[in-house]
Amino acid sequence: MSHSVTIQTRTVTTGSPSAINTTFCRSWTGILKLAQVAVGIVIMSLEVDAINDQFLRSGDIFLMLMATAFMIGTAIFIISYIFSPVSEAIIGKTNYEIIYNSFALFFIMIASIVVLAQESQREFGRRMVSAILGIVDAILYAGNTAMAVKNKI
């Protein structure tokens, strides 16, 4: 007894291996990710400076750790998207970016609120600025989460 088998092949070309995806940096997702890294660096530097000057608070350490962790993770996203145009399309269609941005939004917002609560009785200083920037960073991650959900659909 004979059977018919149909084989389909797909050819994908991605350009030269040394191609750099500069269009990602001009997209809204790229702009948000670059802003997240920049704000994360500022939060880190403000928190390190505040910790070096005064006594140590748990909220400051938490905010610094969250800003650092998610800043590094977002920088890795940027690097992979810039040097591999295919990875942006592949990762954007998975749940990973939605989950990552949601966790970043949640943890940075919580850490910022903790620092704001600790600093509410004190004068406006570096710690207050870093907490406010943490809220700004959380808003940027919320925007990226919304864009990731939109791209997934």
C-alpha atoms as a PDB file:
ATOM      1  CA  MET A   1       0.000   0.000   0.000  1.00  0.00           C
ATOM      2  CA  SER A   2       1.460   3.340  -1.039  1.00  0.00           C
ATOM      3  CA  HIS A   3       1.218   6.645   0.849  1.00  0.00           C
ATOM      4  CA  SER A   4       1.633  10.214  -0.294  1.00  0.00           C
ATOM      5  CA  VAL A   5       3.867  12.473   1.780  1.00  0.00           C
ATOM      6  CA  THR A   6       4.118  16.220   1.240  1.00  0.00           C
ATOM      7  CA  ILE A   7       7.215  17.961   2.557  1.00  0.00           C
ATOM      8  CA  GLN A   8       7.226  21.724   2.888  1.00  0.00           C
ATOM      9  CA  THR A   9      10.366  23.710   3.464  1.00  0.00           C
ATOM     10  CA  ARG A  10      10.777  27.314   4.474  1.00  0.00           C
ATOM     11  CA  THR A  11      13.824  29.439   3.747  1.00  0.00           C
ATOM     12  CA  VAL A  12      14.568  32.318   6.080  1.00  0.00           C
ATOM     13  CA  THR A  13      17.277  34.842   5.329  1.00  0.00           C
ATOM     14  CA  THR A  14      18.433  37.188   8.037  1.00  0.00           C
ATOM     15  CA  GLY A  15      21.135  39.127   6.257  1.00  0.00           C
ATOM     16  CA  SER A  16      24.793  39.056   7.073  1.00  0.00           C
ATOM     17  CA  PRO A  17      25.828  37.704  10.466  1.00  0.00           C
ATOM     18  CA  SER A  18      27.340  41.059  11.386  1.00  0.00           C
ATOM     19  CA  ALA A  19      24.110  42.998  10.713  1.00  0.00           C
ATOM     20  CA  ILE A  20      23.060  45.349  13.485  1.00  0.00           C
ATOM     21  CA  ASN A  21      19.353  45.972  14.039  1.00  0.00           C
ATOM     22  CA  THR A  22      19.345  49.756  14.381  1.00  0.00           C
ATOM     23  CA  THR A  23      15.609  49.991  13.709  1.00  0.00           C
ATOM     24  CA  PHE A  24      14.945  48.476  17.144  1.00  0.00           C
ATOM     25  CA  CYS A  25      16.456  51.531  18.854  1.00  0.00           C
ATOM     26  CA  ARG A  26      14.051  53.776  16.944  1.00  0.00           C
ATOM     27  CA  SER A  27      10.946  51.755  17.803  1.00  0.00           C
ATOM     28  CA  TRP A  28       8.798  52.546  20.850  1.00  0.00           C
ATOM     29  CA  THR A  29       9.853  49.277  22.477  1.00  0.00           C
ATOM     30  CA  GLY A  30      13.520  50.140  21.948  1.00  0.00           C
ATOM     31  CA  ILE A  31      13.113  53.683  23.259  1.00  0.00           C
ATOM     32  CA  LEU A  32      11.328  52.391  26.378  1.00  0.00           C
ATOM     33  CA  LYS A  33      14.012  49.762  26.997  1.00  0.00           C
ATOM     34  CA  LEU A  34      16.838  52.285  26.575  1.00  0.00           C
ATOM     35  CA  ALA A  35      15.047  54.656  28.973  1.00  0.00           C
ATOM     36  CA  GLN A  36      14.610  51.817  31.491  1.00  0.00           C
ATOM     37  CA  VAL A  37      18.352  51.119  31.456  1.00  0.00           C
ATOM     38  CA  ALA A  38      19.202  54.821  31.786  1.00  0.00           C
ATOM     39  CA  VAL A  39      16.795  55.331  34.705  1.00  0.00           C
ATOM     40  CA  GLY A  40      18.088  52.127  36.324  1.00  0.00           C
ATOM     41  CA  ILE A  41      21.659  53.420  36.170  1.00  0.00           C
ATOM     42  CA  VAL A  42      20.606  56.727  37.769  1.00  0.00           C
ATOM     43  CA  ILE A  43      18.688  54.914  40.539  1.00  0.00           C
ATOM     44  CA  MET A  44      21.697  52.701  41.205  1.00  0.00           C
ATOM     45  CA  SER A  45      24.103  55.614  41.438  1.00  0.00           C
ATOM     46  CA  LEU A  46      21.774  57.640  43.707  1.00  0.00           C
ATOM     47  CA  GLU A  47      21.206  54.690  46.033  1.00  0.00           C
ATOM     48  CA  VAL A  48      24.905  53.812  46.243  1.00  0.00           C
ATOM     49  CA  ASP A  49      25.663  57.460  47.013  1.00  0.00           C
ATOM     50  CA  ALA A  50      22.913  57.606  49.668  1.00  0.00           C
ATOM     51  CA  ILE A  51      24.037  54.343  51.261  1.00  0.00           C
ATOM     52  CA  ASN A  52      27.655  55.527  51.423  1.00  0.00           C
ATOM     53  CA  ASP A  53      26.687  58.801  53.139  1.00  0.00           C
ATOM     54  CA  GLN A  54      24.251  57.625  55.810  1.00  0.00           C
ATOM     55  CA  PHE A  55      23.155  54.565  57.706  1.00  0.00           C
ATOM     56  CA  LEU A  56      21.851  51.581  55.786  1.00  0.00           C
ATOM     57  CA  ARG A  57      18.115  51.012  55.287  1.00  0.00           C
ATOM     58  CA  SER A  58      16.550  47.823  53.968  1.00  0.00           C
ATOM     59  CA  GLY A  59      14.348  49.730  51.488  1.00  0.00           C
ATOM     60  CA  ASP A  60      17.381  51.328  49.870  1.00  0.00           C
ATOM     61  CA  ILE A  61      19.086  47.986  49.441  1.00  0.00           C
ATOM     62  CA  PHE A  62      15.900  46.465  47.995  1.00  0.00           C
ATOM     63  CA  LEU A  63      15.431  49.313  45.521  1.00  0.00           C
ATOM     64  CA  MET A  64      19.075  49.213  44.482  1.00  0.00           C
ATOM     65  CA  LEU A  65      18.970  45.432  43.980  1.00  0.00           C
ATOM     66  CA  MET A  66      15.748  45.539  41.968  1.00  0.00           C
ATOM     67  CA  ALA A  67      16.917  48.452  39.816  1.00  0.00           C
ATOM     68  CA  THR A  68      20.248  46.714  39.198  1.00  0.00           C
ATOM     69  CA  ALA A  69      18.777  43.301  38.424  1.00  0.00           C
ATOM     70  CA  PHE A  70      16.169  44.549  35.986  1.00  0.00           C
ATOM     71  CA  MET A  71      18.560  47.074  34.433  1.00  0.00           C
ATOM     72  CA  ILE A  72      20.993  44.254  33.625  1.00  0.00           C
ATOM     73  CA  GLY A  73      18.187  42.035  32.297  1.00  0.00           C
ATOM     74  CA  THR A  74      16.855  44.826  30.099  1.00  0.00           C
ATOM     75  CA  ALA A  75      20.370  45.582  28.838  1.00  0.00           C
ATOM     76  CA  ILE A  76      20.661  41.926  27.811  1.00  0.00           C
ATOM     77  CA  PHE A  77      17.356  42.234  25.930  1.00  0.00           C
ATOM     78  CA  ILE A  78      18.677  45.316  24.123  1.00  0.00           C
ATOM     79  CA  ILE A  79      21.967  43.646  23.204  1.00  0.00           C
ATOM     80  CA  SER A  80      20.237  40.531  21.882  1.00  0.00           C
ATOM     81  CA  TYR A  81      17.697  42.581  19.912  1.00  0.00           C
ATOM     82  CA  ILE A  82      20.374  44.805  18.368  1.00  0.00           C
ATOM     83  CA  PHE A  83      22.773  42.045  17.355  1.00  0.00           C
ATOM     84  CA  SER A  84      20.141  39.503  16.305  1.00  0.00           C
ATOM     85  CA  PRO A  85      17.193  40.928  14.376  1.00  0.00           C
ATOM     86  CA  VAL A  86      15.476  37.533  14.521  1.00  0.00           C
ATOM     87  CA  SER A  87      15.469  37.398  18.327  1.00  0.00           C
ATOM     88  CA  GLU A  88      13.196  40.438  18.608  1.00  0.00           C
ATOM     89  CA  ALA A  89      10.546  38.735  16.506  1.00  0.00           C
ATOM     90  CA  ILE A  90      10.917  35.398  18.284  1.00  0.00           C
ATOM     91  CA  ILE A  91      11.055  36.626  21.911  1.00  0.00           C
ATOM     92  CA  GLY A  92       8.296  39.164  21.244  1.00  0.00           C
ATOM     93  CA  LYS A  93       5.893  36.341  20.378  1.00  0.00           C
ATOM     94  CA  THR A  94       6.492  34.450  23.629  1.00  0.00           C
ATOM     95  CA  ASN A  95       5.222  35.116  27.139  1.00  0.00           C
ATOM     96  CA  TYR A  96       8.734  35.692  28.461  1.00  0.00           C
ATOM     97  CA  GLU A  97       8.838  39.430  27.807  1.00  0.00           C
ATOM     98  CA  ILE A  98       5.344  39.916  29.260  1.00  0.00           C
ATOM     99  CA  ILE A  99       6.291  38.039  32.437  1.00  0.00           C
ATOM    100  CA  TYR A 100       9.672  39.788  32.720  1.00  0.00           C
ATOM    101  CA  ASN A 101       8.203  43.291  32.348  1.00  0.00           C
ATOM    102  CA  SER A 102       5.361  42.471  34.763  1.00  0.00           C
ATOM    103  CA  PHE A 103       7.820  41.301  37.414  1.00  0.00           C
ATOM    104  CA  ALA A 104       9.990  44.375  36.876  1.00  0.00           C
ATOM    105  CA  LEU A 105       6.941  46.632  37.189  1.00  0.00           C
ATOM    106  CA  PHE A 106       5.812  44.906  40.397  1.00  0.00           C
ATOM    107  CA  PHE A 107       9.162  44.681  42.191  1.00  0.00           C
ATOM    108  CA  ILE A 108      10.444  48.155  41.290  1.00  0.00           C
ATOM    109  CA  MET A 109       7.107  49.713  42.264  1.00  0.00           C
ATOM    110  CA  ILE A 110       7.095  47.906  45.632  1.00  0.00           C
ATOM    111  CA  ALA A 111      10.723  48.884  46.325  1.00  0.00           C
ATOM    112  CA  SER A 112       9.994  52.526  45.428  1.00  0.00           C
ATOM    113  CA  ILE A 113       6.943  52.634  47.670  1.00  0.00           C
ATOM    114  CA  VAL A 114       8.987  51.199  50.568  1.00  0.00           C
ATOM    115  CA  VAL A 115      11.655  53.886  50.141  1.00  0.00           C
ATOM    116  CA  LEU A 116       8.989  56.606  49.833  1.00  0.00           C
ATOM    117  CA  ALA A 117       7.377  55.378  53.060  1.00  0.00           C
ATOM    118  CA  GLN A 118      10.743  55.389  54.848  1.00  0.00           C
ATOM    119  CA  GLU A 119      11.575  58.864  53.579  1.00  0.00           C
ATOM    120  CA  SER A 120       8.151  60.465  54.103  1.00  0.00           C
ATOM    121  CA  GLN A 121       9.201  61.975  57.435  1.00  0.00           C
ATOM    122  CA  ARG A 122      12.514  63.321  56.157  1.00  0.00           C
ATOM    123  CA  GLU A 123      13.600  66.128  53.882  1.00  0.00           C
ATOM    124  CA  PHE A 124      13.652  65.765  50.103  1.00  0.00           C
ATOM    125  CA  GLY A 125      16.966  64.112  49.228  1.00  0.00           C
ATOM    126  CA  ARG A 126      18.713  61.545  47.072  1.00  0.00           C
ATOM    127  CA  ARG A 127      16.686  58.661  48.435  1.00  0.00           C
ATOM    128  CA  MET A 128      13.417  60.420  47.664  1.00  0.00           C
ATOM    129  CA  VAL A 129      14.640  61.191  44.131  1.00  0.00           C
ATOM    130  CA  SER A 130      15.656  57.559  43.593  1.00  0.00           C
ATOM    131  CA  ALA A 131      12.223  56.387  44.831  1.00  0.00           C
ATOM    132  CA  ILE A 132      10.461  58.783  42.444  1.00  0.00           C
ATOM    133  CA  LEU A 133      12.687  57.607  39.597  1.00  0.00           C
ATOM    134  CA  GLY A 134      11.794  54.050  40.603  1.00  0.00           C
ATOM    135  CA  ILE A 135       8.135  54.877  40.053  1.00  0.00           C
ATOM    136  CA  VAL A 136       9.048  56.387  36.670  1.00  0.00           C
ATOM    137  CA  ASP A 137      10.957  53.186  35.839  1.00  0.00           C
ATOM    138  CA  ALA A 138       7.941  51.103  36.874  1.00  0.00           C
ATOM    139  CA  ILE A 139       5.756  53.192  34.554  1.00  0.00           C
ATOM    140  CA  LEU A 140       8.226  52.536  31.721  1.00  0.00           C
ATOM    141  CA  TYR A 141       7.996  48.801  32.442  1.00  0.00           C
ATOM    142  CA  ALA A 142       4.193  49.085  32.438  1.00  0.00           C
ATOM    143  CA  GLY A 143       4.383  50.616  28.967  1.00  0.00           C
ATOM    144  CA  ASN A 144       6.664  47.827  27.806  1.00  0.00           C
ATOM    145  CA  THR A 145       4.307  45.237  29.304  1.00  0.00           C
ATOM    146  CA  ALA A 146       1.388  46.758  27.402  1.00  0.00           C
ATOM    147  CA  MET A 147       3.376  46.733  24.167  1.00  0.00           C
ATOM    148  CA  ALA A 148       4.433  43.110  24.731  1.00  0.00           C
ATOM    149  CA  VAL A 149       0.799  42.096  25.292  1.00  0.00           C
ATOM    150  CA  LYS A 150      -0.211  43.981  22.140  1.00  0.00           C
ATOM    151  CA  ASN A 151       2.535  42.267  20.097  1.00  0.00           C
ATOM    152  CA  LYS A 152       1.524  38.854  21.445  1.00  0.00           C
ATOM    153  CA  ILE A 153      -2.046  39.190  20.188  1.00  0.00           C
END
